[in-house]
Each structure stands twice: as structure tokens, then as C-alpha cells.
Amino acid sequence: MTAPVSAPRLRVVLIDDSEVVRVGLRALLGTDPTIEIAGEGATVAQAYAVCAREKPAVVLLDLRLPDGSGTEACRTLLRQWPDLRVLILTSNSDETSVDEAIRAGAHGYLLKEVDGRGLLNAVHDVAAGKSILDPAIAARVMQIVKTGGGDARVAFASLSPQEKRVLALIAEGCTNKEVGVKMNLSEKTVKNYLSTVFEKLHVSRRAEAAVIYTQEQRR
């Protein structure tokens, strides 16, 4: 009898200038049998090299690196490998860092205070196409959205019921494919809805749109 073929493991690369942090991350992620540490690095240059060599699904990336900015590294990595998912893991919680990372295309932003289970879930969620934002910095992102895109409340009110439903599912962490299944829409149609939602809300990222939705539900 032929043995069942096991599912491929999720390949993750760790980029952080602290060896202690990388050792801790290896130990933590190593507790999940579905994750494989494909490589690691301590600099921007090493990030490019290891991603070119290993072709990971997810990169855990710090913002402070000795030879450059993690934000610029994020932007360059995604330009080179558009299907790569970048999860920022940093101690930086200031508004400028959050803003720059989101605008660079990061798919998630977590502070290093996150617990182990939260980090493992975030890695899987980001790999699945979801956007992750640390609750501790959600308020900062909301401020970025407000200052960069006008009155969020008025913009939200301009959304159609269907657009609001799409946005609600995005805020729950659903991927475009999952939204399509739940709403009986094609993935292309979902993308079109999202494009309109982003334009109306004056945002360019799922995380920004999700924060606006969450804030509006609390009013």
C-alpha cells in the first residue's frame, strides 16, 4: 500500500539582526510541524540572498537592520517576488514605522511582545492571504488613515451594502477566495469590489480598510 503524500511544509525565512531573537523564533516555529525554517539572515543583503535561494512563502522581517531599512527591504522583496508574504515582526510601534511598512506592502505587522500562539497563527494567516495587524497599533493605523485620506466616517457611509459586506469579511481576515465562496462571487469580482472600496476609503491596503470597518462598527 502506498503511503499517503504529506502536505508540503510552509517555508519561512527569518530576518533579524539579533541572533538571540532568531534562535528564539527557530525554537518557537519549530514546535509547529507544518512550518519549515528555510533560511535566515541578519541584514538586508542576506534577506535578498536567502529569498532568492530558498523561495520561501513567508518572511518574518525586522525593521531595524544594520545595512538598511526593513521597509525598503520589504518593498524590494515584493517587487522581485510578488507572491511572497512579508510579516513585519519588530519592537517599533511608532506611527511612522507602521505607516511606512503598510505603504511598502507588508501583509502583517506584529510587535515582538506577541505570544507564541499569536505568532504561529499570524504566520499561517499571512501565508493564507490574510492581513494581520497587532491590536496594540490598530489605533495608530486608524490615525494614519484619517490624516492621509480625509474623513473616514463619510467615506465609509458612501459604500454600498454589498461593498460593506465584502469589507466586513476582509476585516474578519478572509482571503479574496474565501469572500467569494461566502458571497457566491468570483475571485475577480471580489477584487473589483475591493478596488472600489479602497478608492472610496482613500486607502491602498487591506489592513487600513479593515481598521476603518472595525472603528465604524464601534461607533
N, C-alpha and C. Protein backbone atom coordinates (compact mmCIF):
# COMPACT_ATOMS: atom_id res chain seq x y z
N MET A 1 0.84 -1.20 0.00
CA MET A 1 0.00 0.00 0.00
C MET A 1 0.88 1.25 0.00
N THR A 2 0.56 2.18 -0.87
CA THR A 2 1.36 3.39 -0.99
C THR A 2 1.09 4.33 0.19
N ALA A 3 2.14 4.84 0.79
CA ALA A 3 2.00 5.76 1.92
C ALA A 3 1.42 7.08 1.44
N PRO A 4 0.55 7.70 2.23
CA PRO A 4 -0.02 8.98 1.83
C PRO A 4 1.05 10.05 1.69
N VAL A 5 0.86 10.92 0.70
CA VAL A 5 1.81 12.01 0.48
C VAL A 5 1.50 13.14 1.46
N SER A 6 2.48 13.51 2.26
CA SER A 6 2.26 14.57 3.24
C SER A 6 2.26 15.93 2.55
N ALA A 7 1.49 16.84 3.09
CA ALA A 7 1.41 18.18 2.51
C ALA A 7 2.75 18.90 2.68
N PRO A 8 3.14 19.70 1.71
CA PRO A 8 4.41 20.44 1.83
C PRO A 8 4.35 21.41 3.00
N ARG A 9 5.46 21.53 3.68
CA ARG A 9 5.50 22.43 4.83
C ARG A 9 5.63 23.89 4.37
N LEU A 10 5.19 24.78 5.22
CA LEU A 10 5.22 26.21 4.95
C LEU A 10 6.65 26.71 5.16
N ARG A 11 7.26 27.19 4.10
CA ARG A 11 8.66 27.62 4.16
C ARG A 11 8.74 29.08 4.62
N VAL A 12 9.49 29.28 5.72
CA VAL A 12 9.58 30.60 6.35
C VAL A 12 11.05 31.00 6.46
N VAL A 13 11.32 32.27 6.18
CA VAL A 13 12.67 32.82 6.35
C VAL A 13 12.63 33.86 7.47
N LEU A 14 13.66 33.86 8.31
CA LEU A 14 13.77 34.78 9.45
C LEU A 14 14.85 35.82 9.17
N ILE A 15 14.48 37.10 9.24
CA ILE A 15 15.45 38.18 9.04
C ILE A 15 15.42 39.10 10.26
N ASP A 16 16.46 39.01 11.07
CA ASP A 16 16.57 39.84 12.27
C ASP A 16 18.05 39.93 12.63
N ASP A 17 18.51 41.13 13.01
CA ASP A 17 19.94 41.27 13.29
C ASP A 17 20.35 40.68 14.64
N SER A 18 19.39 40.26 15.44
CA SER A 18 19.70 39.67 16.75
C SER A 18 19.71 38.14 16.64
N GLU A 19 20.86 37.55 16.93
CA GLU A 19 20.95 36.09 16.90
C GLU A 19 20.05 35.47 17.96
N VAL A 20 19.95 36.14 19.10
CA VAL A 20 19.10 35.64 20.19
C VAL A 20 17.65 35.56 19.72
N VAL A 21 17.19 36.59 19.03
CA VAL A 21 15.82 36.60 18.53
C VAL A 21 15.63 35.48 17.51
N ARG A 22 16.58 35.31 16.60
CA ARG A 22 16.44 34.26 15.57
C ARG A 22 16.42 32.88 16.20
N VAL A 23 17.25 32.66 17.22
CA VAL A 23 17.25 31.36 17.90
C VAL A 23 15.89 31.12 18.55
N GLY A 24 15.34 32.14 19.19
CA GLY A 24 14.03 32.01 19.82
C GLY A 24 12.94 31.73 18.80
N LEU A 25 13.00 32.41 17.66
CA LEU A 25 11.99 32.20 16.62
C LEU A 25 12.10 30.79 16.03
N ARG A 26 13.33 30.33 15.82
CA ARG A 26 13.51 28.96 15.31
C ARG A 26 12.91 27.95 16.27
N ALA A 27 13.15 28.15 17.56
CA ALA A 27 12.63 27.22 18.56
C ALA A 27 11.10 27.24 18.58
N LEU A 28 10.53 28.44 18.53
CA LEU A 28 9.07 28.56 18.58
C LEU A 28 8.42 27.98 17.33
N LEU A 29 8.89 28.42 16.17
CA LEU A 29 8.29 27.94 14.92
C LEU A 29 8.54 26.45 14.72
N GLY A 30 9.62 25.97 15.32
CA GLY A 30 9.94 24.55 15.20
C GLY A 30 8.96 23.65 15.93
N THR A 31 8.15 24.23 16.80
CA THR A 31 7.13 23.43 17.51
C THR A 31 5.94 23.11 16.61
N ASP A 32 5.88 23.77 15.46
CA ASP A 32 4.78 23.55 14.50
C ASP A 32 5.30 22.67 13.37
N PRO A 33 4.84 21.42 13.28
CA PRO A 33 5.36 20.50 12.26
C PRO A 33 5.02 20.90 10.83
N THR A 34 4.12 21.86 10.66
CA THR A 34 3.74 22.28 9.30
C THR A 34 4.61 23.44 8.80
N ILE A 35 5.53 23.91 9.65
CA ILE A 35 6.41 25.02 9.27
C ILE A 35 7.84 24.53 9.13
N GLU A 36 8.50 25.00 8.09
CA GLU A 36 9.92 24.69 7.87
C GLU A 36 10.70 26.00 7.83
N ILE A 37 11.75 26.12 8.64
CA ILE A 37 12.61 27.29 8.58
C ILE A 37 13.55 27.09 7.39
N ALA A 38 13.29 27.84 6.32
CA ALA A 38 14.03 27.65 5.07
C ALA A 38 15.37 28.37 5.08
N GLY A 39 15.50 29.37 5.94
CA GLY A 39 16.74 30.11 5.99
C GLY A 39 16.59 31.30 6.92
N GLU A 40 17.69 32.01 7.12
CA GLU A 40 17.67 33.18 7.98
C GLU A 40 18.78 34.13 7.60
N GLY A 41 18.68 35.36 8.10
CA GLY A 41 19.71 36.35 7.84
C GLY A 41 19.63 37.47 8.85
N ALA A 42 20.70 38.29 8.87
CA ALA A 42 20.78 39.38 9.83
C ALA A 42 20.84 40.74 9.16
N THR A 43 20.85 40.77 7.83
CA THR A 43 20.98 42.03 7.11
C THR A 43 20.02 42.07 5.92
N VAL A 44 19.87 43.25 5.33
CA VAL A 44 19.07 43.40 4.12
C VAL A 44 19.66 42.56 2.99
N ALA A 45 20.98 42.63 2.83
CA ALA A 45 21.64 41.87 1.77
C ALA A 45 21.39 40.38 1.92
N GLN A 46 21.46 39.89 3.16
CA GLN A 46 21.21 38.47 3.39
C GLN A 46 19.75 38.11 3.14
N ALA A 47 18.85 39.06 3.39
CA ALA A 47 17.43 38.82 3.11
C ALA A 47 17.22 38.56 1.63
N TYR A 48 17.82 39.40 0.78
CA TYR A 48 17.69 39.21 -0.67
C TYR A 48 18.29 37.87 -1.10
N ALA A 49 19.47 37.58 -0.56
CA ALA A 49 20.18 36.37 -0.98
C ALA A 49 19.43 35.10 -0.58
N VAL A 50 18.95 35.04 0.66
CA VAL A 50 18.29 33.82 1.13
C VAL A 50 16.94 33.64 0.44
N CYS A 51 16.24 34.73 0.16
CA CYS A 51 14.95 34.61 -0.53
C CYS A 51 15.14 34.17 -1.98
N ALA A 52 16.20 34.66 -2.62
CA ALA A 52 16.50 34.24 -3.99
C ALA A 52 16.84 32.76 -4.03
N ARG A 53 17.53 32.29 -3.01
CA ARG A 53 17.97 30.90 -2.99
C ARG A 53 16.87 29.94 -2.55
N GLU A 54 16.10 30.33 -1.54
CA GLU A 54 15.16 29.40 -0.91
C GLU A 54 13.70 29.54 -1.37
N LYS A 55 13.34 30.68 -1.97
CA LYS A 55 11.97 30.91 -2.43
C LYS A 55 10.93 30.59 -1.34
N PRO A 56 10.99 31.27 -0.20
CA PRO A 56 10.06 30.99 0.90
C PRO A 56 8.66 31.49 0.59
N ALA A 57 7.70 31.06 1.40
CA ALA A 57 6.32 31.56 1.28
C ALA A 57 6.14 32.81 2.13
N VAL A 58 6.83 32.84 3.29
CA VAL A 58 6.68 33.94 4.25
C VAL A 58 8.06 34.38 4.74
N VAL A 59 8.21 35.69 4.88
CA VAL A 59 9.42 36.24 5.51
C VAL A 59 9.02 36.98 6.77
N LEU A 60 9.63 36.60 7.88
CA LEU A 60 9.49 37.37 9.13
C LEU A 60 10.61 38.39 9.13
N LEU A 61 10.26 39.67 9.09
CA LEU A 61 11.23 40.72 8.84
C LEU A 61 11.21 41.80 9.91
N ASP A 62 12.39 42.07 10.48
CA ASP A 62 12.51 43.18 11.42
C ASP A 62 12.70 44.47 10.63
N LEU A 63 12.38 45.60 11.22
CA LEU A 63 12.53 46.88 10.53
C LEU A 63 13.92 47.48 10.68
N ARG A 64 14.58 47.16 11.78
CA ARG A 64 15.90 47.73 12.03
C ARG A 64 16.98 46.71 11.67
N LEU A 65 17.68 46.97 10.58
CA LEU A 65 18.74 46.09 10.13
C LEU A 65 20.01 46.93 9.93
N PRO A 66 21.18 46.34 10.13
CA PRO A 66 22.41 47.13 10.16
C PRO A 66 22.81 47.77 8.84
N ASP A 67 22.34 47.23 7.71
CA ASP A 67 22.76 47.76 6.41
C ASP A 67 21.63 48.42 5.64
N GLY A 68 20.52 48.72 6.31
CA GLY A 68 19.43 49.38 5.60
C GLY A 68 18.10 49.24 6.33
N SER A 69 17.08 49.73 5.68
CA SER A 69 15.75 49.74 6.28
C SER A 69 14.97 48.47 5.93
N GLY A 70 14.32 47.90 6.95
CA GLY A 70 13.46 46.76 6.69
C GLY A 70 12.30 47.12 5.79
N THR A 71 11.87 48.38 5.86
CA THR A 71 10.78 48.83 4.98
C THR A 71 11.20 48.78 3.53
N GLU A 72 12.38 49.28 3.23
CA GLU A 72 12.87 49.22 1.85
C GLU A 72 13.11 47.79 1.42
N ALA A 73 13.58 46.95 2.36
CA ALA A 73 13.77 45.54 2.05
C ALA A 73 12.43 44.90 1.67
N CYS A 74 11.39 45.24 2.42
CA CYS A 74 10.05 44.72 2.14
C CYS A 74 9.61 45.11 0.74
N ARG A 75 9.77 46.38 0.41
CA ARG A 75 9.35 46.88 -0.90
C ARG A 75 10.11 46.18 -2.03
N THR A 76 11.41 46.01 -1.86
CA THR A 76 12.23 45.37 -2.89
C THR A 76 11.90 43.88 -3.02
N LEU A 77 11.72 43.21 -1.90
CA LEU A 77 11.39 41.78 -1.93
C LEU A 77 10.08 41.54 -2.67
N LEU A 78 9.08 42.37 -2.40
CA LEU A 78 7.78 42.18 -3.04
C LEU A 78 7.80 42.57 -4.51
N ARG A 79 8.66 43.50 -4.86
CA ARG A 79 8.82 43.85 -6.27
C ARG A 79 9.45 42.68 -7.03
N GLN A 80 10.40 42.00 -6.38
CA GLN A 80 11.10 40.88 -7.01
C GLN A 80 10.25 39.61 -7.00
N TRP A 81 9.54 39.38 -5.88
CA TRP A 81 8.73 38.17 -5.73
C TRP A 81 7.33 38.56 -5.26
N PRO A 82 6.44 38.92 -6.18
CA PRO A 82 5.11 39.43 -5.81
C PRO A 82 4.27 38.47 -4.98
N ASP A 83 4.52 37.17 -5.09
CA ASP A 83 3.72 36.20 -4.33
C ASP A 83 4.25 35.98 -2.91
N LEU A 84 5.39 36.56 -2.60
CA LEU A 84 5.96 36.43 -1.26
C LEU A 84 5.08 37.17 -0.26
N ARG A 85 4.97 36.62 0.94
CA ARG A 85 4.21 37.28 2.01
C ARG A 85 5.19 37.77 3.07
N VAL A 86 5.07 39.04 3.43
CA VAL A 86 6.00 39.65 4.38
C VAL A 86 5.26 40.00 5.67
N LEU A 87 5.75 39.45 6.77
CA LEU A 87 5.19 39.72 8.09
C LEU A 87 6.24 40.47 8.90
N ILE A 88 5.97 41.74 9.19
CA ILE A 88 6.90 42.55 9.99
C ILE A 88 6.78 42.11 11.45
N LEU A 89 7.93 41.82 12.06
CA LEU A 89 7.98 41.48 13.48
C LEU A 89 9.04 42.38 14.11
N THR A 90 8.60 43.35 14.88
CA THR A 90 9.51 44.40 15.31
C THR A 90 9.12 44.92 16.69
N SER A 91 10.00 45.70 17.27
CA SER A 91 9.68 46.38 18.53
C SER A 91 9.23 47.81 18.26
N ASN A 92 9.27 48.23 17.00
CA ASN A 92 8.88 49.59 16.62
C ASN A 92 7.36 49.72 16.54
N SER A 93 6.80 50.58 17.36
CA SER A 93 5.36 50.79 17.33
C SER A 93 4.99 52.23 17.00
N ASP A 94 5.99 53.03 16.60
CA ASP A 94 5.69 54.43 16.30
C ASP A 94 4.92 54.55 14.98
N GLU A 95 4.19 55.63 14.87
CA GLU A 95 3.29 55.83 13.73
C GLU A 95 4.02 55.81 12.40
N THR A 96 5.20 56.42 12.35
CA THR A 96 5.94 56.49 11.09
C THR A 96 6.33 55.09 10.60
N SER A 97 6.80 54.24 11.51
CA SER A 97 7.20 52.89 11.14
C SER A 97 6.02 52.09 10.61
N VAL A 98 4.89 52.19 11.29
CA VAL A 98 3.68 51.48 10.87
C VAL A 98 3.25 51.95 9.49
N ASP A 99 3.20 53.27 9.32
CA ASP A 99 2.79 53.86 8.06
C ASP A 99 3.68 53.39 6.91
N GLU A 100 4.99 53.48 7.11
CA GLU A 100 5.93 53.12 6.06
C GLU A 100 5.84 51.63 5.70
N ALA A 101 5.68 50.80 6.71
CA ALA A 101 5.61 49.36 6.46
C ALA A 101 4.35 49.00 5.66
N ILE A 102 3.23 49.59 6.04
CA ILE A 102 1.97 49.31 5.32
C ILE A 102 2.07 49.79 3.88
N ARG A 103 2.63 50.97 3.69
CA ARG A 103 2.74 51.52 2.34
C ARG A 103 3.77 50.75 1.51
N ALA A 104 4.71 50.08 2.17
CA ALA A 104 5.69 49.26 1.45
C ALA A 104 5.10 47.92 1.01
N GLY A 105 3.89 47.61 1.50
CA GLY A 105 3.22 46.38 1.07
C GLY A 105 3.23 45.25 2.06
N ALA A 106 3.71 45.49 3.29
CA ALA A 106 3.73 44.41 4.29
C ALA A 106 2.34 43.84 4.50
N HIS A 107 2.27 42.53 4.63
CA HIS A 107 0.98 41.84 4.79
C HIS A 107 0.58 41.69 6.25
N GLY A 108 1.51 41.98 7.14
CA GLY A 108 1.22 41.91 8.56
C GLY A 108 2.22 42.72 9.35
N TYR A 109 1.81 43.17 10.54
CA TYR A 109 2.68 43.98 11.39
C TYR A 109 2.43 43.56 12.82
N LEU A 110 3.42 42.91 13.42
CA LEU A 110 3.31 42.45 14.80
C LEU A 110 4.44 43.01 15.64
N LEU A 111 4.14 43.27 16.89
CA LEU A 111 5.18 43.65 17.84
C LEU A 111 5.79 42.41 18.46
N LYS A 112 7.03 42.50 18.89
CA LYS A 112 7.72 41.34 19.43
C LYS A 112 7.17 40.87 20.76
N GLU A 113 6.26 41.65 21.32
CA GLU A 113 5.61 41.23 22.55
C GLU A 113 4.54 40.16 22.31
N VAL A 114 4.24 39.87 21.05
CA VAL A 114 3.21 38.88 20.73
C VAL A 114 3.55 37.53 21.36
N ASP A 115 2.52 36.80 21.80
CA ASP A 115 2.80 35.49 22.40
C ASP A 115 3.02 34.45 21.30
N GLY A 116 3.50 33.28 21.71
CA GLY A 116 3.86 32.25 20.75
C GLY A 116 2.72 31.80 19.87
N ARG A 117 1.58 31.52 20.47
CA ARG A 117 0.42 31.08 19.70
C ARG A 117 -0.02 32.15 18.72
N GLY A 118 0.04 33.41 19.16
CA GLY A 118 -0.35 34.51 18.28
C GLY A 118 0.56 34.61 17.06
N LEU A 119 1.85 34.39 17.28
CA LEU A 119 2.79 34.46 16.16
C LEU A 119 2.57 33.31 15.19
N LEU A 120 2.41 32.11 15.71
CA LEU A 120 2.17 30.95 14.84
C LEU A 120 0.91 31.16 14.00
N ASN A 121 -0.15 31.63 14.64
CA ASN A 121 -1.40 31.88 13.91
C ASN A 121 -1.19 32.94 12.84
N ALA A 122 -0.42 33.98 13.18
CA ALA A 122 -0.18 35.06 12.24
C ALA A 122 0.59 34.57 11.02
N VAL A 123 1.58 33.73 11.23
CA VAL A 123 2.35 33.19 10.10
C VAL A 123 1.44 32.42 9.16
N HIS A 124 0.59 31.57 9.71
CA HIS A 124 -0.33 30.79 8.88
C HIS A 124 -1.35 31.69 8.20
N ASP A 125 -1.87 32.68 8.91
CA ASP A 125 -2.87 33.57 8.34
C ASP A 125 -2.30 34.40 7.20
N VAL A 126 -1.10 34.93 7.39
CA VAL A 126 -0.47 35.71 6.33
C VAL A 126 -0.19 34.83 5.12
N ALA A 127 0.27 33.61 5.36
CA ALA A 127 0.52 32.69 4.25
C ALA A 127 -0.76 32.38 3.48
N ALA A 128 -1.89 32.40 4.17
CA ALA A 128 -3.18 32.09 3.55
C ALA A 128 -3.78 33.29 2.83
N GLY A 129 -3.10 34.42 2.88
CA GLY A 129 -3.59 35.59 2.17
C GLY A 129 -4.28 36.62 3.03
N LYS A 130 -4.27 36.42 4.33
CA LYS A 130 -4.93 37.36 5.22
C LYS A 130 -3.96 38.47 5.64
N SER A 131 -4.51 39.58 6.11
CA SER A 131 -3.72 40.70 6.61
C SER A 131 -3.79 40.71 8.14
N ILE A 132 -2.65 40.89 8.78
CA ILE A 132 -2.56 40.83 10.23
C ILE A 132 -2.05 42.15 10.77
N LEU A 133 -2.72 42.66 11.78
CA LEU A 133 -2.31 43.90 12.41
C LEU A 133 -2.36 43.74 13.92
N ASP A 134 -1.25 44.03 14.59
CA ASP A 134 -1.19 43.92 16.04
C ASP A 134 -2.23 44.85 16.66
N PRO A 135 -3.06 44.34 17.56
CA PRO A 135 -4.09 45.20 18.19
C PRO A 135 -3.52 46.44 18.85
N ALA A 136 -2.28 46.35 19.32
CA ALA A 136 -1.68 47.48 20.03
C ALA A 136 -1.40 48.66 19.11
N ILE A 137 -1.36 48.43 17.80
CA ILE A 137 -1.07 49.54 16.89
C ILE A 137 -2.24 49.85 15.97
N ALA A 138 -3.38 49.19 16.18
CA ALA A 138 -4.55 49.45 15.33
C ALA A 138 -4.96 50.92 15.39
N ALA A 139 -4.90 51.52 16.57
CA ALA A 139 -5.29 52.92 16.71
C ALA A 139 -4.37 53.82 15.89
N ARG A 140 -3.09 53.48 15.84
CA ARG A 140 -2.15 54.29 15.05
C ARG A 140 -2.48 54.20 13.57
N VAL A 141 -2.83 53.00 13.12
CA VAL A 141 -3.18 52.84 11.71
C VAL A 141 -4.43 53.64 11.39
N MET A 142 -5.38 53.66 12.32
CA MET A 142 -6.59 54.44 12.11
C MET A 142 -6.26 55.92 11.97
N GLN A 143 -5.31 56.39 12.76
CA GLN A 143 -4.92 57.79 12.68
C GLN A 143 -4.25 58.08 11.34
N ILE A 144 -3.44 57.13 10.87
CA ILE A 144 -2.80 57.27 9.56
C ILE A 144 -3.85 57.39 8.47
N VAL A 145 -4.85 56.52 8.56
CA VAL A 145 -5.92 56.54 7.57
C VAL A 145 -6.65 57.87 7.58
N LYS A 146 -6.96 58.37 8.78
CA LYS A 146 -7.70 59.62 8.90
C LYS A 146 -6.91 60.79 8.34
N THR A 147 -5.64 60.87 8.71
CA THR A 147 -4.84 62.01 8.29
C THR A 147 -4.46 61.93 6.82
N GLY A 148 -4.40 60.70 6.30
CA GLY A 148 -3.98 60.56 4.91
C GLY A 148 -5.12 60.48 3.93
N GLY A 149 -6.34 60.27 4.39
CA GLY A 149 -7.40 60.06 3.43
C GLY A 149 -8.69 60.78 3.74
N GLY A 150 -8.67 61.82 4.54
CA GLY A 150 -9.88 62.57 4.77
C GLY A 150 -10.76 61.94 5.82
N ASP A 151 -12.03 62.25 5.78
CA ASP A 151 -12.97 61.80 6.79
C ASP A 151 -13.38 60.36 6.54
N ALA A 152 -12.89 59.44 7.36
CA ALA A 152 -13.17 58.02 7.16
C ALA A 152 -14.64 57.71 7.33
N ARG A 153 -15.30 58.41 8.24
CA ARG A 153 -16.70 58.13 8.51
C ARG A 153 -17.57 58.44 7.30
N VAL A 154 -17.33 59.58 6.67
CA VAL A 154 -18.08 59.95 5.46
C VAL A 154 -17.78 58.97 4.34
N ALA A 155 -16.51 58.61 4.20
CA ALA A 155 -16.12 57.67 3.15
C ALA A 155 -16.79 56.32 3.35
N PHE A 156 -16.84 55.85 4.60
CA PHE A 156 -17.46 54.57 4.89
C PHE A 156 -18.95 54.60 4.54
N ALA A 157 -19.60 55.71 4.83
CA ALA A 157 -21.02 55.84 4.55
C ALA A 157 -21.33 55.77 3.07
N SER A 158 -20.32 56.06 2.23
CA SER A 158 -20.53 56.05 0.79
C SER A 158 -20.51 54.64 0.19
N LEU A 159 -20.12 53.66 0.99
CA LEU A 159 -20.06 52.28 0.48
C LEU A 159 -21.46 51.70 0.31
N SER A 160 -21.62 50.90 -0.72
CA SER A 160 -22.89 50.21 -0.94
C SER A 160 -23.00 49.06 0.06
N PRO A 161 -24.21 48.51 0.29
CA PRO A 161 -24.36 47.36 1.20
C PRO A 161 -23.47 46.18 0.80
N GLN A 162 -23.35 45.91 -0.50
CA GLN A 162 -22.51 44.80 -0.96
C GLN A 162 -21.04 45.09 -0.67
N GLU A 163 -20.61 46.32 -0.88
CA GLU A 163 -19.23 46.68 -0.60
C GLU A 163 -18.92 46.57 0.89
N LYS A 164 -19.89 46.96 1.72
CA LYS A 164 -19.70 46.84 3.17
C LYS A 164 -19.60 45.38 3.59
N ARG A 165 -20.35 44.51 2.93
CA ARG A 165 -20.29 43.10 3.28
C ARG A 165 -18.93 42.51 2.91
N VAL A 166 -18.43 42.90 1.74
CA VAL A 166 -17.09 42.46 1.34
C VAL A 166 -16.06 42.95 2.36
N LEU A 167 -16.18 44.21 2.74
CA LEU A 167 -15.24 44.80 3.70
C LEU A 167 -15.33 44.10 5.06
N ALA A 168 -16.54 43.75 5.48
CA ALA A 168 -16.72 43.06 6.76
C ALA A 168 -15.97 41.73 6.77
N LEU A 169 -16.05 41.01 5.67
CA LEU A 169 -15.37 39.71 5.58
C LEU A 169 -13.86 39.89 5.54
N ILE A 170 -13.40 40.94 4.87
CA ILE A 170 -11.97 41.24 4.85
C ILE A 170 -11.49 41.56 6.26
N ALA A 171 -12.31 42.32 7.00
CA ALA A 171 -11.95 42.68 8.37
C ALA A 171 -11.89 41.45 9.28
N GLU A 172 -12.65 40.40 8.93
CA GLU A 172 -12.61 39.15 9.69
C GLU A 172 -11.37 38.34 9.37
N GLY A 173 -10.64 38.76 8.34
CA GLY A 173 -9.42 38.07 7.95
C GLY A 173 -9.57 37.13 6.78
N CYS A 174 -10.71 37.20 6.08
CA CYS A 174 -10.94 36.30 4.94
C CYS A 174 -10.06 36.70 3.76
N THR A 175 -9.63 35.72 3.00
CA THR A 175 -8.93 35.98 1.75
C THR A 175 -9.97 36.31 0.67
N ASN A 176 -9.51 36.78 -0.47
CA ASN A 176 -10.43 37.07 -1.58
C ASN A 176 -11.21 35.82 -1.98
N LYS A 177 -10.53 34.70 -2.00
CA LYS A 177 -11.18 33.45 -2.37
C LYS A 177 -12.27 33.08 -1.38
N GLU A 178 -11.98 33.24 -0.08
CA GLU A 178 -12.96 32.92 0.96
C GLU A 178 -14.15 33.86 0.89
N VAL A 179 -13.90 35.14 0.59
CA VAL A 179 -15.00 36.10 0.43
C VAL A 179 -15.88 35.67 -0.73
N GLY A 180 -15.25 35.25 -1.82
CA GLY A 180 -16.00 34.81 -2.99
C GLY A 180 -16.91 33.63 -2.69
N VAL A 181 -16.40 32.67 -1.93
CA VAL A 181 -17.19 31.50 -1.57
C VAL A 181 -18.37 31.89 -0.70
N LYS A 182 -18.12 32.74 0.30
CA LYS A 182 -19.19 33.15 1.22
C LYS A 182 -20.27 33.98 0.53
N MET A 183 -19.87 34.75 -0.49
CA MET A 183 -20.82 35.65 -1.15
C MET A 183 -21.26 35.15 -2.52
N ASN A 184 -20.77 33.97 -2.88
CA ASN A 184 -21.11 33.39 -4.19
C ASN A 184 -20.67 34.32 -5.33
N LEU A 185 -19.45 34.80 -5.22
CA LEU A 185 -18.88 35.69 -6.22
C LEU A 185 -17.57 35.09 -6.73
N SER A 186 -17.18 35.46 -7.94
CA SER A 186 -15.88 35.04 -8.45
C SER A 186 -14.78 35.83 -7.74
N GLU A 187 -13.59 35.27 -7.72
CA GLU A 187 -12.48 35.97 -7.07
C GLU A 187 -12.20 37.30 -7.78
N LYS A 188 -12.38 37.33 -9.09
CA LYS A 188 -12.17 38.56 -9.86
C LYS A 188 -13.17 39.63 -9.44
N THR A 189 -14.43 39.22 -9.23
CA THR A 189 -15.45 40.17 -8.80
C THR A 189 -15.12 40.73 -7.43
N VAL A 190 -14.63 39.88 -6.53
CA VAL A 190 -14.24 40.34 -5.20
C VAL A 190 -13.12 41.37 -5.31
N LYS A 191 -12.14 41.11 -6.18
CA LYS A 191 -11.05 42.06 -6.37
C LYS A 191 -11.58 43.41 -6.87
N ASN A 192 -12.56 43.35 -7.77
CA ASN A 192 -13.15 44.58 -8.28
C ASN A 192 -13.85 45.36 -7.18
N TYR A 193 -14.59 44.64 -6.33
CA TYR A 193 -15.25 45.29 -5.19
C TYR A 193 -14.22 45.94 -4.28
N LEU A 194 -13.15 45.21 -4.00
CA LEU A 194 -12.12 45.74 -3.10
C LEU A 194 -11.46 46.98 -3.69
N SER A 195 -11.24 46.97 -4.99
CA SER A 195 -10.64 48.12 -5.65
C SER A 195 -11.52 49.35 -5.46
N THR A 196 -12.83 49.17 -5.59
CA THR A 196 -13.76 50.28 -5.39
C THR A 196 -13.78 50.72 -3.93
N VAL A 197 -13.78 49.76 -3.02
CA VAL A 197 -13.77 50.08 -1.58
C VAL A 197 -12.53 50.88 -1.23
N PHE A 198 -11.36 50.44 -1.70
CA PHE A 198 -10.12 51.15 -1.41
C PHE A 198 -10.17 52.59 -1.94
N GLU A 199 -10.72 52.73 -3.15
CA GLU A 199 -10.80 54.07 -3.75
C GLU A 199 -11.72 54.98 -2.93
N LYS A 200 -12.86 54.45 -2.50
CA LYS A 200 -13.81 55.27 -1.73
C LYS A 200 -13.26 55.62 -0.35
N LEU A 201 -12.50 54.70 0.24
CA LEU A 201 -11.96 54.94 1.58
C LEU A 201 -10.63 55.68 1.55
N HIS A 202 -10.10 55.87 0.35
CA HIS A 202 -8.80 56.56 0.19
C HIS A 202 -7.68 55.79 0.89
N VAL A 203 -7.68 54.48 0.72
CA VAL A 203 -6.62 53.64 1.28
C VAL A 203 -6.08 52.76 0.17
N SER A 204 -4.98 52.08 0.47
CA SER A 204 -4.38 51.19 -0.53
C SER A 204 -4.09 49.80 0.02
N ARG A 205 -4.39 49.57 1.31
CA ARG A 205 -4.07 48.29 1.94
C ARG A 205 -5.27 47.72 2.64
N ARG A 206 -5.32 46.40 2.69
CA ARG A 206 -6.41 45.70 3.36
C ARG A 206 -6.45 46.04 4.85
N ALA A 207 -5.25 46.15 5.46
CA ALA A 207 -5.20 46.44 6.89
C ALA A 207 -5.83 47.79 7.20
N GLU A 208 -5.58 48.78 6.35
CA GLU A 208 -6.15 50.11 6.56
C GLU A 208 -7.68 50.06 6.45
N ALA A 209 -8.16 49.37 5.41
CA ALA A 209 -9.61 49.26 5.20
C ALA A 209 -10.26 48.51 6.36
N ALA A 210 -9.60 47.46 6.83
CA ALA A 210 -10.16 46.66 7.93
C ALA A 210 -10.26 47.48 9.21
N VAL A 211 -9.27 48.34 9.46
CA VAL A 211 -9.31 49.17 10.66
C VAL A 211 -10.47 50.17 10.58
N ILE A 212 -10.70 50.76 9.42
CA ILE A 212 -11.82 51.68 9.26
C ILE A 212 -13.13 50.96 9.56
N TYR A 213 -13.29 49.74 9.02
CA TYR A 213 -14.52 48.99 9.25
C TYR A 213 -14.71 48.74 10.75
N THR A 214 -13.63 48.29 11.42
CA THR A 214 -13.72 47.97 12.85
C THR A 214 -14.09 49.21 13.66
N GLN A 215 -13.49 50.34 13.33
CA GLN A 215 -13.78 51.57 14.06
C GLN A 215 -15.22 52.01 13.84
N GLU A 216 -15.71 51.87 12.63
CA GLU A 216 -17.08 52.29 12.33
C GLU A 216 -18.10 51.41 13.05
N GLN A 217 -17.78 50.15 13.24
CA GLN A 217 -18.70 49.24 13.94
C GLN A 217 -18.79 49.57 15.42
N ARG A 218 -17.78 50.26 15.94
CA ARG A 218 -17.76 50.61 17.36
C ARG A 218 -18.48 51.91 17.65
N ARG A 219 -18.84 52.65 16.63
CA ARG A 219 -19.50 53.97 16.84
C ARG A 219 -20.93 53.78 17.35
